[in-house]
Amino acid sequence: MNFPEWITTATGRLTPTDLALVKWSCIAFGVLLAQKSRGVRELDQRLVLAAVVALAAKPAASAFGFGRA
């Protein structure tokens, strides 16, 4: 299976919830990057990183087919 076929198969398994979690994971990652600015530095970086990982875990599992019979 080449890459275009694989990516089509992987993204076809994503639910609307998965897509929303990807969106929020990207937003949280943006906040992680924004911590380079003075105003956002007050947030605990480990907390934001945990949020990024937690929001990205379910969509990644769905895309790779984990949890499927």
N, C-alpha and C. Protein backbone atom coordinates (compact mmCIF):
# COMPACT_ATOMS: atom_id res chain seq x y z
N MET A 1 0.85 -1.17 0.00
CA MET A 1 0.00 0.00 0.00
C MET A 1 0.90 1.24 0.00
N ASN A 2 0.70 2.11 -0.97
CA ASN A 2 1.51 3.33 -1.01
C ASN A 2 0.90 4.41 -0.11
N PHE A 3 1.62 5.50 0.05
CA PHE A 3 1.21 6.52 1.01
C PHE A 3 -0.16 7.12 0.72
N PRO A 4 -0.49 7.51 -0.51
CA PRO A 4 -1.83 8.09 -0.75
C PRO A 4 -2.97 7.14 -0.38
N GLU A 5 -2.81 5.86 -0.68
CA GLU A 5 -3.84 4.89 -0.30
C GLU A 5 -3.94 4.76 1.21
N TRP A 6 -2.79 4.74 1.88
CA TRP A 6 -2.78 4.59 3.33
C TRP A 6 -3.43 5.80 3.99
N ILE A 7 -3.09 7.01 3.55
CA ILE A 7 -3.64 8.21 4.20
C ILE A 7 -5.14 8.31 3.96
N THR A 8 -5.62 7.90 2.80
CA THR A 8 -7.05 7.89 2.53
C THR A 8 -7.75 6.90 3.45
N THR A 9 -7.18 5.73 3.64
CA THR A 9 -7.76 4.73 4.53
C THR A 9 -7.74 5.22 5.97
N ALA A 10 -6.62 5.79 6.39
CA ALA A 10 -6.48 6.24 7.78
C ALA A 10 -7.45 7.38 8.10
N THR A 11 -7.57 8.35 7.21
CA THR A 11 -8.46 9.48 7.49
C THR A 11 -9.92 9.10 7.32
N GLY A 12 -10.19 8.06 6.59
CA GLY A 12 -11.57 7.60 6.43
C GLY A 12 -12.14 7.03 7.72
N ARG A 13 -11.28 6.62 8.63
CA ARG A 13 -11.72 6.07 9.91
C ARG A 13 -11.98 7.13 10.97
N LEU A 14 -11.62 8.38 10.68
CA LEU A 14 -11.79 9.44 11.68
C LEU A 14 -13.25 9.86 11.79
N THR A 15 -13.69 10.01 13.02
CA THR A 15 -15.06 10.47 13.28
C THR A 15 -15.04 11.98 13.47
N PRO A 16 -16.20 12.63 13.49
CA PRO A 16 -16.23 14.07 13.78
C PRO A 16 -15.59 14.42 15.12
N THR A 17 -15.73 13.54 16.11
CA THR A 17 -15.08 13.77 17.40
C THR A 17 -13.57 13.76 17.24
N ASP A 18 -13.05 12.83 16.46
CA ASP A 18 -11.62 12.77 16.21
C ASP A 18 -11.12 14.06 15.56
N LEU A 19 -11.86 14.54 14.58
CA LEU A 19 -11.46 15.77 13.90
C LEU A 19 -11.47 16.96 14.85
N ALA A 20 -12.46 17.01 15.74
CA ALA A 20 -12.52 18.09 16.73
C ALA A 20 -11.33 17.99 17.69
N LEU A 21 -10.97 16.77 18.09
CA LEU A 21 -9.83 16.60 18.99
C LEU A 21 -8.52 16.98 18.32
N VAL A 22 -8.40 16.70 17.03
CA VAL A 22 -7.21 17.13 16.29
C VAL A 22 -7.14 18.66 16.31
N LYS A 23 -8.27 19.29 16.08
CA LYS A 23 -8.32 20.76 16.10
C LYS A 23 -7.86 21.30 17.45
N TRP A 24 -8.40 20.77 18.54
CA TRP A 24 -8.04 21.26 19.86
C TRP A 24 -6.61 20.93 20.23
N SER A 25 -6.11 19.80 19.74
CA SER A 25 -4.72 19.45 19.97
C SER A 25 -3.81 20.47 19.28
N CYS A 26 -4.16 20.86 18.08
CA CYS A 26 -3.37 21.86 17.36
C CYS A 26 -3.42 23.21 18.07
N ILE A 27 -4.58 23.56 18.59
CA ILE A 27 -4.70 24.81 19.35
C ILE A 27 -3.83 24.76 20.59
N ALA A 28 -3.87 23.63 21.30
CA ALA A 28 -3.04 23.49 22.50
C ALA A 28 -1.56 23.54 22.15
N PHE A 29 -1.17 22.94 21.03
CA PHE A 29 0.22 23.01 20.59
C PHE A 29 0.60 24.45 20.27
N GLY A 30 -0.32 25.20 19.69
CA GLY A 30 -0.08 26.61 19.43
C GLY A 30 0.15 27.38 20.72
N VAL A 31 -0.61 27.03 21.76
CA VAL A 31 -0.40 27.66 23.06
C VAL A 31 0.98 27.29 23.60
N LEU A 32 1.37 26.04 23.38
CA LEU A 32 2.70 25.60 23.82
C LEU A 32 3.78 26.44 23.15
N LEU A 33 3.62 26.68 21.87
CA LEU A 33 4.58 27.52 21.16
C LEU A 33 4.49 28.98 21.62
N ALA A 34 3.28 29.42 21.91
CA ALA A 34 3.09 30.80 22.33
C ALA A 34 3.69 31.07 23.70
N GLN A 35 4.05 30.03 24.42
CA GLN A 35 4.65 30.24 25.73
C GLN A 35 6.01 30.92 25.62
N LYS A 36 6.49 31.07 24.44
CA LYS A 36 7.72 31.82 24.24
C LYS A 36 7.46 33.32 24.50
N SER A 37 6.20 33.73 24.45
CA SER A 37 5.88 35.12 24.75
C SER A 37 5.68 35.29 26.25
N ARG A 38 5.89 36.49 26.71
CA ARG A 38 5.89 36.76 28.14
C ARG A 38 4.53 36.51 28.79
N GLY A 39 3.43 36.86 28.14
CA GLY A 39 2.10 36.74 28.75
C GLY A 39 1.63 35.31 28.96
N VAL A 40 2.10 34.41 28.13
CA VAL A 40 1.62 33.03 28.19
C VAL A 40 2.55 32.16 29.03
N ARG A 41 3.71 32.65 29.36
CA ARG A 41 4.69 31.87 30.11
C ARG A 41 4.21 31.44 31.48
N GLU A 42 3.20 32.10 32.01
CA GLU A 42 2.73 31.77 33.35
C GLU A 42 2.02 30.42 33.41
N LEU A 43 1.57 29.90 32.26
CA LEU A 43 0.96 28.57 32.23
C LEU A 43 2.05 27.52 32.41
N ASP A 44 1.71 26.46 33.13
CA ASP A 44 2.67 25.38 33.33
C ASP A 44 2.84 24.62 32.02
N GLN A 45 4.05 24.57 31.52
CA GLN A 45 4.33 23.95 30.23
C GLN A 45 3.99 22.46 30.23
N ARG A 46 4.19 21.79 31.36
CA ARG A 46 3.87 20.35 31.43
C ARG A 46 2.36 20.12 31.30
N LEU A 47 1.57 21.03 31.86
CA LEU A 47 0.12 20.92 31.76
C LEU A 47 -0.34 21.07 30.32
N VAL A 48 0.22 22.04 29.62
CA VAL A 48 -0.14 22.25 28.21
C VAL A 48 0.32 21.07 27.36
N LEU A 49 1.51 20.55 27.62
CA LEU A 49 1.99 19.38 26.89
C LEU A 49 1.09 18.17 27.13
N ALA A 50 0.66 17.98 28.37
CA ALA A 50 -0.25 16.89 28.69
C ALA A 50 -1.57 17.05 27.94
N ALA A 51 -2.04 18.29 27.82
CA ALA A 51 -3.28 18.54 27.07
C ALA A 51 -3.10 18.21 25.60
N VAL A 52 -1.96 18.56 25.03
CA VAL A 52 -1.68 18.25 23.62
C VAL A 52 -1.71 16.74 23.40
N VAL A 53 -1.03 16.00 24.25
CA VAL A 53 -0.97 14.54 24.11
C VAL A 53 -2.34 13.92 24.33
N ALA A 54 -3.06 14.38 25.34
CA ALA A 54 -4.37 13.81 25.64
C ALA A 54 -5.36 14.06 24.50
N LEU A 55 -5.32 15.25 23.92
CA LEU A 55 -6.24 15.57 22.84
C LEU A 55 -5.88 14.84 21.54
N ALA A 56 -4.63 14.53 21.36
CA ALA A 56 -4.19 13.88 20.12
C ALA A 56 -4.26 12.36 20.19
N ALA A 57 -4.39 11.77 21.37
CA ALA A 57 -4.30 10.32 21.52
C ALA A 57 -5.43 9.57 20.82
N LYS A 58 -6.66 9.97 21.02
CA LYS A 58 -7.79 9.24 20.45
C LYS A 58 -7.83 9.32 18.92
N PRO A 59 -7.64 10.53 18.32
CA PRO A 59 -7.61 10.57 16.85
C PRO A 59 -6.47 9.74 16.27
N ALA A 60 -5.32 9.75 16.93
CA ALA A 60 -4.20 8.95 16.44
C ALA A 60 -4.54 7.46 16.50
N ALA A 61 -5.15 7.05 17.59
CA ALA A 61 -5.54 5.65 17.71
C ALA A 61 -6.57 5.26 16.65
N SER A 62 -7.51 6.15 16.37
CA SER A 62 -8.50 5.86 15.33
C SER A 62 -7.86 5.79 13.96
N ALA A 63 -6.96 6.72 13.67
CA ALA A 63 -6.31 6.75 12.36
C ALA A 63 -5.46 5.50 12.12
N PHE A 64 -4.83 5.01 13.17
CA PHE A 64 -4.00 3.81 13.03
C PHE A 64 -4.77 2.52 13.21
N GLY A 65 -6.08 2.61 13.51
CA GLY A 65 -6.93 1.44 13.57
C GLY A 65 -6.92 0.70 14.90
N PHE A 66 -6.40 1.30 15.94
CA PHE A 66 -6.44 0.66 17.26
C PHE A 66 -7.86 0.70 17.79
N GLY A 67 -8.25 -0.34 18.50
CA GLY A 67 -9.58 -0.38 19.08
C GLY A 67 -10.65 -0.88 18.13
N ARG A 68 -10.24 -1.29 16.96
CA ARG A 68 -11.19 -1.82 15.96
C ARG A 68 -11.15 -3.35 16.01
N ALA A 69 -12.30 -3.94 15.78
CA ALA A 69 -12.36 -5.41 15.79
C ALA A 69 -11.85 -5.98 14.49
